[in-house]
Amino acid sequence: MVDFIGRHYLNAEGQEALSQLRVNSPPEPKGTAPISMLGRLPSEECGCPEELWRLDGIDLLFHFEEDGQSEAFIFAGDWELETTLQARSLDDLRAKSFQWFADVMDHTEEP
């Protein structure tokens, strides 16, 4: 068994879904989502698709370009980071952006 780390979170929709999947009753909704989508809209500069996510208080913005040469940005209070990612679609860019975010966070947590 792997120990659960992090804050517990369950919203009402999750409670309803778990009531169909679990033998026992699910717990009551509580907590704040550790990951949430804040927006999906066209860029104000060029109209390309962008998504803004919040992951444990850190914002991740990614911008999909038609040629696939797309950007991802991390905004974490007093520091920012940017990278270019090659993506086939917005879904592909989302997956690569989340992986990049995880890699950056793993690297920054090392002693």
C-alpha atoms as a PDB file:
ATOM      1  CA  MET A   1       0.000   0.000   0.000  1.00  0.00           C
ATOM      2  CA  VAL A   2       1.163   3.528  -0.746  1.00  0.00           C
ATOM      3  CA  ASP A   3       0.502   6.153   1.930  1.00  0.00           C
ATOM      4  CA  PHE A   4      -1.868   8.926   0.903  1.00  0.00           C
ATOM      5  CA  ILE A   5      -0.135  12.298   0.918  1.00  0.00           C
ATOM      6  CA  GLY A   6      -1.704  15.688   0.383  1.00  0.00           C
ATOM      7  CA  ARG A   7      -4.949  17.254   1.510  1.00  0.00           C
ATOM      8  CA  HIS A   8      -8.183  15.317   1.149  1.00  0.00           C
ATOM      9  CA  TYR A   9     -10.657  16.702  -1.374  1.00  0.00           C
ATOM     10  CA  LEU A  10     -14.072  15.578  -2.539  1.00  0.00           C
ATOM     11  CA  ASN A  11     -16.779  17.683  -4.163  1.00  0.00           C
ATOM     12  CA  ALA A  12     -20.506  16.868  -4.362  1.00  0.00           C
ATOM     13  CA  GLU A  13     -20.221  15.502  -7.898  1.00  0.00           C
ATOM     14  CA  GLY A  14     -17.366  13.231  -6.817  1.00  0.00           C
ATOM     15  CA  GLN A  15     -19.374  12.042  -3.832  1.00  0.00           C
ATOM     16  CA  GLU A  16     -22.253  11.132  -6.146  1.00  0.00           C
ATOM     17  CA  ALA A  17     -19.965   9.222  -8.527  1.00  0.00           C
ATOM     18  CA  LEU A  18     -18.255   7.382  -5.664  1.00  0.00           C
ATOM     19  CA  SER A  19     -21.629   6.353  -4.249  1.00  0.00           C
ATOM     20  CA  GLN A  20     -22.103   4.323  -7.451  1.00  0.00           C
ATOM     21  CA  LEU A  21     -18.586   2.835  -7.367  1.00  0.00           C
ATOM     22  CA  ARG A  22     -17.984   2.009  -3.699  1.00  0.00           C
ATOM     23  CA  VAL A  23     -19.549  -0.624  -1.475  1.00  0.00           C
ATOM     24  CA  ASN A  24     -19.547   1.740   1.524  1.00  0.00           C
ATOM     25  CA  SER A  25     -20.881   5.277   1.555  1.00  0.00           C
ATOM     26  CA  PRO A  26     -18.367   7.902   0.373  1.00  0.00           C
ATOM     27  CA  PRO A  27     -17.262  10.621   2.780  1.00  0.00           C
ATOM     28  CA  GLU A  28     -18.861  14.042   2.844  1.00  0.00           C
ATOM     29  CA  PRO A  29     -17.560  16.679   0.393  1.00  0.00           C
ATOM     30  CA  LYS A  30     -14.697  18.749   1.798  1.00  0.00           C
ATOM     31  CA  GLY A  31     -11.526  20.598   0.925  1.00  0.00           C
ATOM     32  CA  THR A  32     -10.242  22.627  -2.000  1.00  0.00           C
ATOM     33  CA  ALA A  33      -9.417  21.057  -5.341  1.00  0.00           C
ATOM     34  CA  PRO A  34      -5.648  20.609  -5.678  1.00  0.00           C
ATOM     35  CA  ILE A  35      -6.003  21.003  -9.458  1.00  0.00           C
ATOM     36  CA  SER A  36      -8.606  23.149 -11.196  1.00  0.00           C
ATOM     37  CA  MET A  37      -9.125  24.613 -14.634  1.00  0.00           C
ATOM     38  CA  LEU A  38      -9.505  28.381 -14.372  1.00  0.00           C
ATOM     39  CA  GLY A  39     -10.107  29.090 -18.049  1.00  0.00           C
ATOM     40  CA  ARG A  40     -10.131  27.873 -21.627  1.00  0.00           C
ATOM     41  CA  LEU A  41     -10.347  30.727 -24.106  1.00  0.00           C
ATOM     42  CA  PRO A  42      -8.696  32.308 -27.132  1.00  0.00           C
ATOM     43  CA  SER A  43      -5.547  34.350 -26.567  1.00  0.00           C
ATOM     44  CA  GLU A  44      -6.235  38.069 -26.430  1.00  0.00           C
ATOM     45  CA  GLU A  45      -3.139  38.638 -28.581  1.00  0.00           C
ATOM     46  CA  CYS A  46      -3.648  36.196 -31.456  1.00  0.00           C
ATOM     47  CA  GLY A  47      -6.801  34.143 -30.861  1.00  0.00           C
ATOM     48  CA  CYS A  48      -4.951  30.822 -30.408  1.00  0.00           C
ATOM     49  CA  PRO A  49      -6.405  28.441 -27.786  1.00  0.00           C
ATOM     50  CA  GLU A  50      -5.123  28.853 -24.240  1.00  0.00           C
ATOM     51  CA  GLU A  51      -5.861  27.078 -20.986  1.00  0.00           C
ATOM     52  CA  LEU A  52      -5.144  28.278 -17.465  1.00  0.00           C
ATOM     53  CA  TRP A  53      -4.896  25.769 -14.616  1.00  0.00           C
ATOM     54  CA  ARG A  54      -4.126  26.110 -10.903  1.00  0.00           C
ATOM     55  CA  LEU A  55      -2.124  23.294  -9.301  1.00  0.00           C
ATOM     56  CA  ASP A  56      -1.701  23.592  -5.536  1.00  0.00           C
ATOM     57  CA  GLY A  57      -1.672  27.387  -5.769  1.00  0.00           C
ATOM     58  CA  ILE A  58       0.643  27.625  -8.796  1.00  0.00           C
ATOM     59  CA  ASP A  59      -0.729  28.754 -12.157  1.00  0.00           C
ATOM     60  CA  LEU A  60       0.045  26.897 -15.387  1.00  0.00           C
ATOM     61  CA  LEU A  61      -0.861  28.606 -18.663  1.00  0.00           C
ATOM     62  CA  PHE A  62      -0.380  26.999 -22.049  1.00  0.00           C
ATOM     63  CA  HIS A  63      -0.830  28.471 -25.497  1.00  0.00           C
ATOM     64  CA  PHE A  64      -1.409  26.208 -28.514  1.00  0.00           C
ATOM     65  CA  GLU A  65      -0.010  27.390 -31.867  1.00  0.00           C
ATOM     66  CA  GLU A  66      -1.293  26.043 -35.201  1.00  0.00           C
ATOM     67  CA  ASP A  67       2.191  24.826 -36.212  1.00  0.00           C
ATOM     68  CA  GLY A  68       2.466  22.896 -32.922  1.00  0.00           C
ATOM     69  CA  GLN A  69       5.344  25.040 -31.604  1.00  0.00           C
ATOM     70  CA  SER A  70       3.500  26.008 -28.406  1.00  0.00           C
ATOM     71  CA  GLU A  71       4.362  27.640 -25.096  1.00  0.00           C
ATOM     72  CA  ALA A  72       3.737  26.794 -21.469  1.00  0.00           C
ATOM     73  CA  PHE A  73       4.233  29.143 -18.523  1.00  0.00           C
ATOM     74  CA  ILE A  74       4.424  28.565 -14.783  1.00  0.00           C
ATOM     75  CA  PHE A  75       3.514  31.515 -12.554  1.00  0.00           C
ATOM     76  CA  ALA A  76       4.428  30.930  -8.914  1.00  0.00           C
ATOM     77  CA  GLY A  77       4.313  34.223  -7.090  1.00  0.00           C
ATOM     78  CA  ASP A  78       7.804  35.684  -7.218  1.00  0.00           C
ATOM     79  CA  TRP A  79       9.099  33.406 -10.004  1.00  0.00           C
ATOM     80  CA  GLU A  80       8.027  32.404 -13.483  1.00  0.00           C
ATOM     81  CA  LEU A  81       9.210  29.810 -15.939  1.00  0.00           C
ATOM     82  CA  GLU A  82       8.526  29.346 -19.649  1.00  0.00           C
ATOM     83  CA  THR A  83       9.159  26.566 -22.143  1.00  0.00           C
ATOM     84  CA  THR A  84       8.345  25.681 -25.734  1.00  0.00           C
ATOM     85  CA  LEU A  85       6.660  22.351 -26.396  1.00  0.00           C
ATOM     86  CA  GLN A  86       5.904  20.643 -29.703  1.00  0.00           C
ATOM     87  CA  ALA A  87       2.286  19.428 -29.671  1.00  0.00           C
ATOM     88  CA  ARG A  88      -0.103  17.838 -32.165  1.00  0.00           C
ATOM     89  CA  SER A  89      -3.268  19.148 -30.523  1.00  0.00           C
ATOM     90  CA  LEU A  90      -4.499  21.041 -27.499  1.00  0.00           C
ATOM     91  CA  ASP A  91      -4.988  17.704 -25.708  1.00  0.00           C
ATOM     92  CA  ASP A  92      -1.377  16.761 -26.493  1.00  0.00           C
ATOM     93  CA  LEU A  93      -0.178  20.168 -25.273  1.00  0.00           C
ATOM     94  CA  ARG A  94      -2.161  19.785 -22.054  1.00  0.00           C
ATOM     95  CA  ALA A  95      -0.528  16.409 -21.342  1.00  0.00           C
ATOM     96  CA  LYS A  96       2.965  17.702 -22.155  1.00  0.00           C
ATOM     97  CA  SER A  97       2.428  20.861 -20.094  1.00  0.00           C
ATOM     98  CA  PHE A  98       1.366  18.866 -17.053  1.00  0.00           C
ATOM     99  CA  GLN A  99       4.375  16.576 -17.475  1.00  0.00           C
ATOM    100  CA  TRP A 100       6.692  19.593 -17.772  1.00  0.00           C
ATOM    101  CA  PHE A 101       5.106  21.076 -14.643  1.00  0.00           C
ATOM    102  CA  ALA A 102       5.650  17.791 -12.747  1.00  0.00           C
ATOM    103  CA  ASP A 103       9.270  17.625 -13.904  1.00  0.00           C
ATOM    104  CA  VAL A 104       9.915  21.218 -12.809  1.00  0.00           C
ATOM    105  CA  MET A 105       8.309  20.653  -9.411  1.00  0.00           C
ATOM    106  CA  ASP A 106      10.264  17.402  -8.875  1.00  0.00           C
ATOM    107  CA  HIS A 107      13.498  19.203  -9.715  1.00  0.00           C
ATOM    108  CA  THR A 108      12.814  22.199  -7.449  1.00  0.00           C
ATOM    109  CA  GLU A 109      12.038  19.984  -4.453  1.00  0.00           C
ATOM    110  CA  GLU A 110      15.467  18.312  -4.456  1.00  0.00           C
ATOM    111  CA  PRO A 111      17.827  19.375  -1.612  1.00  0.00           C
END
